[in-house]
C-alpha atoms as a PDB file:
ATOM      1  CA  ALA A   1     166.418 152.847  46.630  1.00  0.00           C
ATOM      2  CA  GLU A   2     167.847 156.289  47.292  1.00  0.00           C
ATOM      3  CA  TYR A   3     166.789 158.291  50.336  1.00  0.00           C
ATOM      4  CA  TYR A   4     167.374 161.985  49.947  1.00  0.00           C
ATOM      5  CA  GLY A   5     166.156 165.270  51.388  1.00  0.00           C
ATOM      6  CA  GLU A   6     165.990 168.958  50.572  1.00  0.00           C
ATOM      7  CA  ILE A   7     168.547 171.509  51.770  1.00  0.00           C
ATOM      8  CA  PHE A   8     169.328 175.115  50.796  1.00  0.00           C
ATOM      9  CA  LEU A   9     172.779 176.704  50.483  1.00  0.00           C
ATOM     10  CA  GLY A  10     173.680 180.375  50.417  1.00  0.00           C
ATOM     11  CA  SER A  11     172.031 183.780  50.511  1.00  0.00           C
ATOM     12  CA  PRO A  12     169.694 183.896  48.714  1.00  0.00           C
ATOM     13  CA  PRO A  13     169.062 180.134  49.155  1.00  0.00           C
ATOM     14  CA  GLN A  14     169.897 177.671  46.368  1.00  0.00           C
ATOM     15  CA  ARG A  15     167.975 174.361  46.540  1.00  0.00           C
ATOM     16  CA  PHE A  16     169.530 170.875  46.400  1.00  0.00           C
ATOM     17  CA  LEU A  17     168.497 167.283  46.996  1.00  0.00           C
ATOM     18  CA  VAL A  18     171.115 165.356  48.973  1.00  0.00           C
ATOM     19  CA  VAL A  19     171.448 161.709  49.945  1.00  0.00           C
ATOM     20  CA  ILE A  20     171.161 161.084  53.679  1.00  0.00           C
ATOM     21  CA  ASP A  21     174.419 159.157  54.142  1.00  0.00           C
ATOM     22  CA  THR A  22     175.546 157.779  57.512  1.00  0.00           C
ATOM     23  CA  GLY A  23     178.469 156.096  55.721  1.00  0.00           C
ATOM     24  CA  SER A  24     180.374 159.360  55.101  1.00  0.00           C
ATOM     25  CA  SER A  25     180.829 162.688  56.868  1.00  0.00           C
ATOM     26  CA  ASP A  26     181.097 165.425  54.245  1.00  0.00           C
ATOM     27  CA  LEU A  27     178.541 167.662  52.532  1.00  0.00           C
ATOM     28  CA  TRP A  28     178.885 168.370  48.832  1.00  0.00           C
ATOM     29  CA  VAL A  29     176.799 169.556  45.887  1.00  0.00           C
ATOM     30  CA  PRO A  30     177.618 170.056  42.177  1.00  0.00           C
ATOM     31  CA  SER A  31     179.357 173.314  41.229  1.00  0.00           C
ATOM     32  CA  LYS A  32     178.401 175.793  38.514  1.00  0.00           C
ATOM     33  CA  GLN A  33     182.135 175.720  37.697  1.00  0.00           C
ATOM     34  CA  CYS A  34     182.207 171.995  36.900  1.00  0.00           C
ATOM     35  CA  SER A  35     183.822 170.745  33.719  1.00  0.00           C
ATOM     36  CA  PHE A  36     181.827 170.671  30.490  1.00  0.00           C
ATOM     37  CA  PHE A  37     182.579 166.929  30.397  1.00  0.00           C
ATOM     38  CA  ASN A  38     181.099 166.333  33.883  1.00  0.00           C
ATOM     39  CA  LEU A  39     177.757 164.894  32.747  1.00  0.00           C
ATOM     40  CA  ALA A  40     176.498 164.234  36.297  1.00  0.00           C
ATOM     41  CA  CYS A  41     176.988 167.899  37.126  1.00  0.00           C
ATOM     42  CA  TRP A  42     175.254 169.314  34.072  1.00  0.00           C
ATOM     43  CA  ILE A  43     172.006 167.403  34.543  1.00  0.00           C
ATOM     44  CA  HIS A  44     171.638 168.289  38.244  1.00  0.00           C
ATOM     45  CA  ASN A  45     171.194 171.457  40.283  1.00  0.00           C
ATOM     46  CA  LYS A  46     174.444 173.415  40.504  1.00  0.00           C
ATOM     47  CA  TYR A  47     175.710 175.739  43.246  1.00  0.00           C
ATOM     48  CA  ASP A  48     176.876 179.186  42.127  1.00  0.00           C
ATOM     49  CA  HIS A  49     179.004 180.841  44.822  1.00  0.00           C
ATOM     50  CA  THR A  50     179.097 184.109  42.874  1.00  0.00           C
ATOM     51  CA  LYS A  51     175.387 184.550  43.646  1.00  0.00           C
ATOM     52  CA  SER A  52     175.721 184.085  47.416  1.00  0.00           C
ATOM     53  CA  SER A  53     176.634 186.875  49.820  1.00  0.00           C
ATOM     54  CA  THR A  54     177.529 184.421  52.605  1.00  0.00           C
ATOM     55  CA  TYR A  55     180.010 182.212  50.730  1.00  0.00           C
ATOM     56  CA  HIS A  56     183.597 181.936  51.968  1.00  0.00           C
ATOM     57  CA  ASP A  57     186.318 180.187  49.944  1.00  0.00           C
ATOM     58  CA  VAL A  58     188.545 178.038  52.182  1.00  0.00           C
ATOM     59  CA  GLY A  59     191.114 177.641  49.409  1.00  0.00           C
ATOM     60  CA  LYS A  60     191.469 173.870  49.694  1.00  0.00           C
ATOM     61  CA  GLU A  61     190.415 170.852  47.636  1.00  0.00           C
ATOM     62  CA  MET A  62     188.374 167.854  48.762  1.00  0.00           C
ATOM     63  CA  ARG A  63     188.609 164.349  47.300  1.00  0.00           C
ATOM     64  CA  ILE A  64     186.187 161.601  48.336  1.00  0.00           C
ATOM     65  CA  SER A  65     185.975 157.971  47.201  1.00  0.00           C
ATOM     66  CA  TYR A  66     182.843 155.925  47.861  1.00  0.00           C
ATOM     67  CA  VAL A  67     182.190 152.196  47.343  1.00  0.00           C
ATOM     68  CA  THR A  68     180.823 153.324  43.987  1.00  0.00           C
ATOM     69  CA  GLY A  69     181.742 156.742  42.636  1.00  0.00           C
ATOM     70  CA  SER A  70     184.041 159.563  43.661  1.00  0.00           C
ATOM     71  CA  MET A  71     184.126 163.348  43.837  1.00  0.00           C
ATOM     72  CA  VAL A  72     186.677 166.173  43.615  1.00  0.00           C
ATOM     73  CA  GLY A  73     185.640 169.632  44.721  1.00  0.00           C
ATOM     74  CA  ARG A  74     186.519 173.026  46.126  1.00  0.00           C
ATOM     75  CA  ILE A  75     185.972 173.529  49.870  1.00  0.00           C
ATOM     76  CA  GLY A  76     183.971 176.485  51.104  1.00  0.00           C
ATOM     77  CA  GLU A  77     181.894 177.671  54.051  1.00  0.00           C
ATOM     78  CA  GLU A  78     178.291 178.677  53.655  1.00  0.00           C
ATOM     79  CA  GLU A  79     174.924 179.144  55.316  1.00  0.00           C
ATOM     80  CA  VAL A  80     172.892 175.942  55.081  1.00  0.00           C
ATOM     81  CA  ARG A  81     169.185 175.579  55.766  1.00  0.00           C
ATOM     82  CA  ILE A  82     167.930 172.139  56.763  1.00  0.00           C
ATOM     83  CA  GLY A  83     164.362 171.551  57.880  1.00  0.00           C
ATOM     84  CA  GLY A  84     163.867 175.054  59.228  1.00  0.00           C
ATOM     85  CA  MET A  85     167.303 175.282  60.904  1.00  0.00           C
ATOM     86  CA  LEU A  86     169.925 177.788  59.740  1.00  0.00           C
ATOM     87  CA  LEU A  87     173.543 176.626  60.028  1.00  0.00           C
ATOM     88  CA  LYS A  88     176.270 179.264  59.886  1.00  0.00           C
ATOM     89  CA  ASN A  89     179.722 178.674  58.384  1.00  0.00           C
ATOM     90  CA  GLN A  90     179.016 175.083  57.379  1.00  0.00           C
ATOM     91  CA  THR A  91     181.924 173.410  55.602  1.00  0.00           C
ATOM     92  CA  PHE A  92     180.980 171.867  52.252  1.00  0.00           C
ATOM     93  CA  ALA A  93     182.446 171.164  48.833  1.00  0.00           C
ATOM     94  CA  GLU A  94     181.217 172.277  45.442  1.00  0.00           C
ATOM     95  CA  ALA A  95     181.988 169.339  43.153  1.00  0.00           C
ATOM     96  CA  ILE A  96     184.075 170.098  40.079  1.00  0.00           C
ATOM     97  CA  GLU A  97     184.551 166.453  39.059  1.00  0.00           C
ATOM     98  CA  GLU A  98     182.224 163.442  39.450  1.00  0.00           C
ATOM     99  CA  PRO A  99     183.940 160.847  37.236  1.00  0.00           C
ATOM    100  CA  GLY A 100     182.134 157.812  35.895  1.00  0.00           C
ATOM    101  CA  MET A 101     178.409 157.194  35.668  1.00  0.00           C
ATOM    102  CA  THR A 102     177.533 156.663  39.361  1.00  0.00           C
ATOM    103  CA  PHE A 103     175.932 160.070  39.911  1.00  0.00           C
ATOM    104  CA  VAL A 104     174.673 160.648  36.360  1.00  0.00           C
ATOM    105  CA  PHE A 105     171.298 158.941  36.719  1.00  0.00           C
ATOM    106  CA  SER A 106     170.724 159.690  40.401  1.00  0.00           C
ATOM    107  CA  GLU A 107     167.665 161.656  41.439  1.00  0.00           C
ATOM    108  CA  PHE A 108     169.725 163.518  44.045  1.00  0.00           C
ATOM    109  CA  ASP A 109     172.260 166.291  43.452  1.00  0.00           C
ATOM    110  CA  GLY A 110     174.813 165.684  46.191  1.00  0.00           C
ATOM    111  CA  VAL A 111     175.563 163.962  49.487  1.00  0.00           C
ATOM    112  CA  MET A 112     175.058 164.935  53.136  1.00  0.00           C
ATOM    113  CA  GLY A 113     177.348 162.805  55.293  1.00  0.00           C
ATOM    114  CA  LEU A 114     176.238 162.035  58.853  1.00  0.00           C
ATOM    115  CA  GLY A 115     179.213 160.017  60.095  1.00  0.00           C
ATOM    116  CA  PHE A 116     181.619 161.162  62.808  1.00  0.00           C
ATOM    117  CA  SER A 117     183.834 164.225  62.420  1.00  0.00           C
ATOM    118  CA  GLU A 118     186.950 162.004  62.503  1.00  0.00           C
ATOM    119  CA  LEU A 119     185.832 160.639  59.129  1.00  0.00           C
ATOM    120  CA  ALA A 120     185.351 164.067  57.510  1.00  0.00           C
ATOM    121  CA  GLU A 121     187.835 165.166  54.864  1.00  0.00           C
ATOM    122  CA  TYR A 122     187.671 168.727  56.208  1.00  0.00           C
ATOM    123  CA  GLY A 123     185.620 170.582  58.825  1.00  0.00           C
ATOM    124  CA  SER A 124     182.605 169.247  60.709  1.00  0.00           C
ATOM    125  CA  PRO A 125     179.501 167.359  59.515  1.00  0.00           C
ATOM    126  CA  VAL A 126     176.163 169.183  59.605  1.00  0.00           C
ATOM    127  CA  HIS A 127     174.844 167.440  62.745  1.00  0.00           C
ATOM    128  CA  TYR A 128     177.975 168.530  64.661  1.00  0.00           C
ATOM    129  CA  ASN A 129     177.344 172.150  63.770  1.00  0.00           C
ATOM    130  CA  MET A 130     173.665 171.833  64.696  1.00  0.00           C
ATOM    131  CA  TYR A 131     174.731 170.750  68.171  1.00  0.00           C
ATOM    132  CA  HIS A 132     177.605 173.214  68.607  1.00  0.00           C
ATOM    133  CA  GLN A 133     175.462 176.109  67.346  1.00  0.00           C
ATOM    134  CA  LYS A 134     172.784 175.037  69.874  1.00  0.00           C
ATOM    135  CA  LEU A 135     170.140 174.333  67.229  1.00  0.00           C
ATOM    136  CA  ILE A 136     169.577 170.940  68.889  1.00  0.00           C
ATOM    137  CA  SER A 137     170.026 170.170  72.590  1.00  0.00           C
ATOM    138  CA  ASP A 138     170.681 166.415  72.300  1.00  0.00           C
ATOM    139  CA  PHE A 139     173.550 165.167  70.126  1.00  0.00           C
ATOM    140  CA  VAL A 140     171.434 162.540  68.405  1.00  0.00           C
ATOM    141  CA  PHE A 141     169.488 162.028  65.202  1.00  0.00           C
ATOM    142  CA  SER A 142     167.036 159.333  64.183  1.00  0.00           C
ATOM    143  CA  ILE A 143     166.019 157.892  60.834  1.00  0.00           C
ATOM    144  CA  TYR A 144     162.874 156.212  59.533  1.00  0.00           C
ATOM    145  CA  LEU A 145     163.088 154.742  56.029  1.00  0.00           C
ATOM    146  CA  ASN A 146     159.911 153.782  54.196  1.00  0.00           C
ATOM    147  CA  ARG A 147     160.504 150.867  51.830  1.00  0.00           C
ATOM    148  CA  ASP A 148     156.979 150.928  50.380  1.00  0.00           C
ATOM    149  CA  GLU A 149     157.635 151.994  46.778  1.00  0.00           C
ATOM    150  CA  LYS A 150     153.979 152.903  46.271  1.00  0.00           C
ATOM    151  CA  ASP A 151     154.080 155.486  49.072  1.00  0.00           C
ATOM    152  CA  SER A 152     155.253 159.000  48.149  1.00  0.00           C
ATOM    153  CA  PHE A 153     156.469 159.480  51.748  1.00  0.00           C
ATOM    154  CA  GLY A 154     160.066 158.252  51.626  1.00  0.00           C
ATOM    155  CA  GLY A 155     160.878 158.556  55.300  1.00  0.00           C
ATOM    156  CA  GLU A 156     161.990 160.987  57.974  1.00  0.00           C
ATOM    157  CA  ILE A 157     165.171 162.187  59.631  1.00  0.00           C
ATOM    158  CA  LEU A 158     164.855 163.989  62.952  1.00  0.00           C
ATOM    159  CA  PHE A 159     167.801 165.903  64.385  1.00  0.00           C
ATOM    160  CA  GLY A 160     168.006 166.252  68.170  1.00  0.00           C
ATOM    161  CA  GLY A 161     165.660 163.461  69.202  1.00  0.00           C
ATOM    162  CA  THR A 162     163.235 160.732  68.143  1.00  0.00           C
ATOM    163  CA  ASP A 163     159.729 160.591  66.704  1.00  0.00           C
ATOM    164  CA  GLU A 164     157.854 158.279  69.063  1.00  0.00           C
ATOM    165  CA  THR A 165     154.968 157.947  66.610  1.00  0.00           C
ATOM    166  CA  LYS A 166     157.290 156.046  64.263  1.00  0.00           C
ATOM    167  CA  TYR A 167     158.492 153.177  66.490  1.00  0.00           C
ATOM    168  CA  ASN A 168     157.557 150.764  69.260  1.00  0.00           C
ATOM    169  CA  LYS A 169     159.430 151.977  72.363  1.00  0.00           C
ATOM    170  CA  THR A 170     159.249 148.581  74.078  1.00  0.00           C
ATOM    171  CA  THR A 171     161.364 147.019  71.302  1.00  0.00           C
ATOM    172  CA  LEU A 172     164.214 149.570  71.445  1.00  0.00           C
ATOM    173  CA  ARG A 173     167.639 147.927  71.766  1.00  0.00           C
ATOM    174  CA  TYR A 174     171.020 149.654  71.780  1.00  0.00           C
ATOM    175  CA  VAL A 175     174.305 148.488  70.281  1.00  0.00           C
ATOM    176  CA  ASN A 176     177.642 150.009  71.337  1.00  0.00           C
ATOM    177  CA  LEU A 177     180.027 151.229  68.639  1.00  0.00           C
ATOM    178  CA  THR A 178     183.554 149.847  68.356  1.00  0.00           C
ATOM    179  CA  GLU A 179     184.976 153.265  67.490  1.00  0.00           C
ATOM    180  CA  THR A 180     183.719 156.673  66.451  1.00  0.00           C
ATOM    181  CA  THR A 181     184.517 157.040  62.764  1.00  0.00           C
ATOM    182  CA  PHE A 182     181.849 155.062  60.967  1.00  0.00           C
ATOM    183  CA  TRP A 183     178.648 154.011  62.712  1.00  0.00           C
ATOM    184  CA  GLN A 184     180.184 150.570  63.178  1.00  0.00           C
ATOM    185  CA  PHE A 185     179.743 147.723  65.627  1.00  0.00           C
ATOM    186  CA  LYS A 186     180.641 144.060  66.051  1.00  0.00           C
ATOM    187  CA  LEU A 187     178.631 141.582  63.967  1.00  0.00           C
ATOM    188  CA  ASP A 188     178.743 138.219  65.750  1.00  0.00           C
ATOM    189  CA  GLY A 189     176.872 136.025  63.320  1.00  0.00           C
ATOM    190  CA  MET A 190     174.081 135.326  60.896  1.00  0.00           C
ATOM    191  CA  LYS A 191     171.299 132.756  61.068  1.00  0.00           C
ATOM    192  CA  VAL A 192     168.862 131.599  58.394  1.00  0.00           C
ATOM    193  CA  GLY A 193     166.763 128.460  58.791  1.00  0.00           C
ATOM    194  CA  ASP A 194     169.020 125.706  60.174  1.00  0.00           C
ATOM    195  CA  LEU A 195     172.156 127.517  58.995  1.00  0.00           C
ATOM    196  CA  LYS A 196     174.037 129.402  61.708  1.00  0.00           C
ATOM    197  CA  ILE A 197     177.248 131.170  60.762  1.00  0.00           C
ATOM    198  CA  ASP A 198     179.540 132.517  63.490  1.00  0.00           C
ATOM    199  CA  LEU A 199     181.579 135.524  62.431  1.00  0.00           C
ATOM    200  CA  ASP A 200     184.893 136.259  64.145  1.00  0.00           C
ATOM    201  CA  ASP A 201     186.283 139.785  64.333  1.00  0.00           C
ATOM    202  CA  VAL A 202     183.735 141.101  61.832  1.00  0.00           C
ATOM    203  CA  LEU A 203     182.512 144.689  61.986  1.00  0.00           C
ATOM    204  CA  ALA A 204     179.403 146.102  60.307  1.00  0.00           C
ATOM    205  CA  ILE A 205     178.499 149.673  59.355  1.00  0.00           C
ATOM    206  CA  ALA A 206     174.978 151.103  59.508  1.00  0.00           C
ATOM    207  CA  ASP A 207     174.974 152.945  56.182  1.00  0.00           C
ATOM    208  CA  THR A 208     171.879 154.744  54.890  1.00  0.00           C
ATOM    209  CA  GLY A 209     173.800 155.649  51.736  1.00  0.00           C
ATOM    210  CA  ALA A 210     173.949 151.986  50.676  1.00  0.00           C
ATOM    211  CA  SER A 211     170.919 150.155  49.323  1.00  0.00           C
ATOM    212  CA  LEU A 212     171.983 146.596  50.112  1.00  0.00           C
ATOM    213  CA  ILE A 213     173.372 144.446  52.870  1.00  0.00           C
ATOM    214  CA  ILE A 214     176.893 143.535  51.758  1.00  0.00           C
ATOM    215  CA  GLY A 215     178.863 140.682  53.305  1.00  0.00           C
ATOM    216  CA  GLU A 216     181.743 138.340  52.575  1.00  0.00           C
ATOM    217  CA  THR A 217     181.102 136.346  49.370  1.00  0.00           C
ATOM    218  CA  GLU A 218     181.691 132.911  50.912  1.00  0.00           C
ATOM    219  CA  VAL A 219     179.169 133.548  53.694  1.00  0.00           C
ATOM    220  CA  ILE A 220     176.544 135.077  51.397  1.00  0.00           C
ATOM    221  CA  ASN A 221     176.813 132.178  48.939  1.00  0.00           C
ATOM    222  CA  LYS A 222     175.916 129.795  51.787  1.00  0.00           C
ATOM    223  CA  PHE A 223     172.934 132.006  52.500  1.00  0.00           C
ATOM    224  CA  TYR A 224     171.835 131.873  48.830  1.00  0.00           C
ATOM    225  CA  THR A 225     172.048 128.062  48.822  1.00  0.00           C
ATOM    226  CA  THR A 226     169.988 127.804  52.010  1.00  0.00           C
ATOM    227  CA  ILE A 227     167.127 129.953  50.699  1.00  0.00           C
ATOM    228  CA  GLY A 228     167.209 128.405  47.198  1.00  0.00           C
ATOM    229  CA  ALA A 229     168.177 131.578  45.368  1.00  0.00           C
ATOM    230  CA  SER A 230     169.265 131.597  41.713  1.00  0.00           C
ATOM    231  CA  VAL A 231     172.447 133.498  40.906  1.00  0.00           C
ATOM    232  CA  ASP A 232     172.943 135.388  37.648  1.00  0.00           C
ATOM    233  CA  GLY A 233     176.269 137.186  37.585  1.00  0.00           C
ATOM    234  CA  ALA A 234     176.285 139.696  40.432  1.00  0.00           C
ATOM    235  CA  ASP A 235     172.533 139.292  41.079  1.00  0.00           C
ATOM    236  CA  ALA A 236     170.697 136.699  43.129  1.00  0.00           C
ATOM    237  CA  TYR A 237     166.958 136.330  42.894  1.00  0.00           C
ATOM    238  CA  VAL A 238     163.984 134.131  43.734  1.00  0.00           C
ATOM    239  CA  ASP A 239     160.630 133.482  42.099  1.00  0.00           C
ATOM    240  CA  CYS A 240     158.342 136.305  43.226  1.00  0.00           C
ATOM    241  CA  ASP A 241     155.601 133.754  43.971  1.00  0.00           C
ATOM    242  CA  LYS A 242     157.856 132.216  46.649  1.00  0.00           C
ATOM    243  CA  VAL A 243     158.760 135.362  48.618  1.00  0.00           C
ATOM    244  CA  ASP A 244     156.232 134.547  51.361  1.00  0.00           C
ATOM    245  CA  GLN A 245     157.901 131.148  51.808  1.00  0.00           C
ATOM    246  CA  LEU A 246     161.412 132.534  52.338  1.00  0.00           C
ATOM    247  CA  PRO A 247     162.903 131.890  55.775  1.00  0.00           C
ATOM    248  CA  PRO A 248     163.714 134.819  58.058  1.00  0.00           C
ATOM    249  CA  VAL A 249     167.353 135.835  58.446  1.00  0.00           C
ATOM    250  CA  GLU A 250     168.783 137.013  61.754  1.00  0.00           C
ATOM    251  CA  PHE A 251     171.868 139.146  62.288  1.00  0.00           C
ATOM    252  CA  ILE A 252     173.432 138.619  65.708  1.00  0.00           C
ATOM    253  CA  ILE A 253     174.716 141.909  67.124  1.00  0.00           C
ATOM    254  CA  GLY A 254     175.811 142.194  70.765  1.00  0.00           C
ATOM    255  CA  ASN A 255     174.161 138.856  71.604  1.00  0.00           C
ATOM    256  CA  GLN A 256     170.879 140.199  70.242  1.00  0.00           C
ATOM    257  CA  ALA A 257     169.080 138.845  67.187  1.00  0.00           C
ATOM    258  CA  PHE A 258     167.834 141.372  64.618  1.00  0.00           C
ATOM    259  CA  ARG A 259     165.366 139.645  62.324  1.00  0.00           C
ATOM    260  CA  LEU A 260     164.401 140.285  58.720  1.00  0.00           C
ATOM    261  CA  GLU A 261     161.468 138.454  57.174  1.00  0.00           C
ATOM    262  CA  GLY A 262     161.697 137.282  53.588  1.00  0.00           C
ATOM    263  CA  LYS A 263     159.779 140.276  52.258  1.00  0.00           C
ATOM    264  CA  ASP A 264     162.210 142.581  54.109  1.00  0.00           C
ATOM    265  CA  TYR A 265     165.283 141.404  52.190  1.00  0.00           C
ATOM    266  CA  ILE A 266     163.653 141.283  48.745  1.00  0.00           C
ATOM    267  CA  ILE A 267     163.884 144.166  46.275  1.00  0.00           C
ATOM    268  CA  LYS A 268     161.289 144.102  43.511  1.00  0.00           C
ATOM    269  CA  VAL A 269     162.687 145.383  40.225  1.00  0.00           C
ATOM    270  CA  LYS A 270     160.634 145.888  37.052  1.00  0.00           C
ATOM    271  CA  SER A 271     162.589 144.146  34.305  1.00  0.00           C
ATOM    272  CA  TYR A 272     159.951 144.564  31.634  1.00  0.00           C
ATOM    273  CA  ILE A 273     156.590 146.338  31.495  1.00  0.00           C
ATOM    274  CA  PHE A 274     154.635 143.348  32.792  1.00  0.00           C
ATOM    275  CA  TRP A 275     157.395 141.428  34.563  1.00  0.00           C
ATOM    276  CA  THR A 276     158.869 141.975  38.003  1.00  0.00           C
ATOM    277  CA  LYS A 277     162.082 140.357  39.239  1.00  0.00           C
ATOM    278  CA  CYS A 278     162.588 139.690  42.953  1.00  0.00           C
ATOM    279  CA  LEU A 279     166.244 140.366  43.749  1.00  0.00           C
ATOM    280  CA  ILE A 280     167.875 139.405  47.028  1.00  0.00           C
ATOM    281  CA  GLY A 281     168.932 142.599  48.816  1.00  0.00           C
ATOM    282  CA  ILE A 282     171.883 140.804  50.429  1.00  0.00           C
ATOM    283  CA  ALA A 283     174.984 140.686  48.249  1.00  0.00           C
ATOM    284  CA  GLY A 284     178.428 139.143  48.459  1.00  0.00           C
ATOM    285  CA  MET A 285     181.704 140.953  47.924  1.00  0.00           C
ATOM    286  CA  GLU A 286     185.353 140.075  48.477  1.00  0.00           C
ATOM    287  CA  LEU A 287     185.809 142.322  51.498  1.00  0.00           C
ATOM    288  CA  GLY A 288     189.240 141.093  52.574  1.00  0.00           C
ATOM    289  CA  GLY A 289     188.623 141.891  56.223  1.00  0.00           C
ATOM    290  CA  GLU A 290     186.711 145.092  55.498  1.00  0.00           C
ATOM    291  CA  GLU A 291     183.466 145.865  57.304  1.00  0.00           C
ATOM    292  CA  TRP A 292     180.116 144.441  56.271  1.00  0.00           C
ATOM    293  CA  ILE A 293     177.570 147.039  55.172  1.00  0.00           C
ATOM    294  CA  LEU A 294     174.066 147.065  56.647  1.00  0.00           C
ATOM    295  CA  GLY A 295     172.322 149.322  54.155  1.00  0.00           C
ATOM    296  CA  ASP A 296     168.698 150.288  53.575  1.00  0.00           C
ATOM    297  CA  VAL A 297     167.480 146.684  53.297  1.00  0.00           C
ATOM    298  CA  PHE A 298     168.405 146.256  56.977  1.00  0.00           C
ATOM    299  CA  LEU A 299     167.782 149.799  58.218  1.00  0.00           C
ATOM    300  CA  GLY A 300     164.392 149.980  56.490  1.00  0.00           C
ATOM    301  CA  ARG A 301     163.164 147.296  58.884  1.00  0.00           C
ATOM    302  CA  TYR A 302     163.956 149.388  61.977  1.00  0.00           C
ATOM    303  CA  TYR A 303     163.656 152.870  63.376  1.00  0.00           C
ATOM    304  CA  THR A 304     167.294 153.766  63.958  1.00  0.00           C
ATOM    305  CA  ILE A 305     168.637 156.178  66.585  1.00  0.00           C
ATOM    306  CA  PHE A 306     172.188 157.474  66.106  1.00  0.00           C
ATOM    307  CA  ASN A 307     173.565 158.774  69.422  1.00  0.00           C
ATOM    308  CA  VAL A 308     176.824 160.685  69.003  1.00  0.00           C
ATOM    309  CA  THR A 309     177.348 161.529  72.689  1.00  0.00           C
ATOM    310  CA  GLU A 310     176.994 157.974  73.940  1.00  0.00           C
ATOM    311  CA  GLY A 311     178.608 156.279  70.920  1.00  0.00           C
ATOM    312  CA  ARG A 312     175.798 153.841  70.267  1.00  0.00           C
ATOM    313  CA  ILE A 313     172.945 153.007  67.888  1.00  0.00           C
ATOM    314  CA  GLY A 314     169.412 152.118  68.883  1.00  0.00           C
ATOM    315  CA  PHE A 315     167.193 149.846  66.788  1.00  0.00           C
ATOM    316  CA  ALA A 316     163.447 149.646  67.364  1.00  0.00           C
ATOM    317  CA  ASP A 317     160.625 147.995  65.439  1.00  0.00           C
ATOM    318  CA  ARG A 318     159.150 150.676  63.207  1.00  0.00           C
ATOM    319  CA  LEU A 319     155.440 151.287  63.165  1.00  0.00           C
ATOM    320  CA  ARG A 320     154.360 150.618  59.606  1.00  0.00           C
END
């Protein structure tokens, strides 16, 4: 799944759909000046700085690499409208190159990074400018992701506070960050059925820009064996008739157990017109000491509060 929202750049405003991405810190959209061979650019909305009276060219280049995909663009400053707020002099990039096929078939145009400023290639992320320009009084934002594919309401991001109609306050638990670059914290272990795996010196990132939970291959393969999953290349799946029988999986963070039921970690994919495949939304990768990724499969289970000032994340049971 991709979770994206609407923003407007420039004067007069130009509309874009951007991924809400806590795993990066920069804002970018496709440029009208992109290469003829940049297919991703040509089939999405494109920013034209010649039509904006508030554009300022910084004269620098930005290069960003993601787990999948990359971007090269020109850095500028511009007015940005997000949910009724007007940001002045917001740093962003207009993408000239988006190599490969990652962004070609996406429903979104660009990316809005909501990590820490230390992670930004240049300038400050949008939530920093909201706070410094006094558009929000509390340096916090909260995210609700709706994983019901039949519902047209994809979710909600609230800058400056929380939406108490979306979560159970009595279940709110906070986790301290290990450092302020990514939204990362210590992951102590994983438990499924009778299998308990202790993880030493492992960090995890809360990343709304990633669909899956991604962990070390050796650990995830043990998980697949325990739940009786079939593996086909890079995909693991179960019989859709057996989803209700899958055991819960718990992630141990700060001596607290965060539980996903079987239906929470399954992604239903239509393979053919009348046939649905139930993929496991927890994947293995040779991380080599890199951080685990807790993407939308995990975050969709909780209402998540990202507190910049206090350097911590809150997880609460969402009200469905």
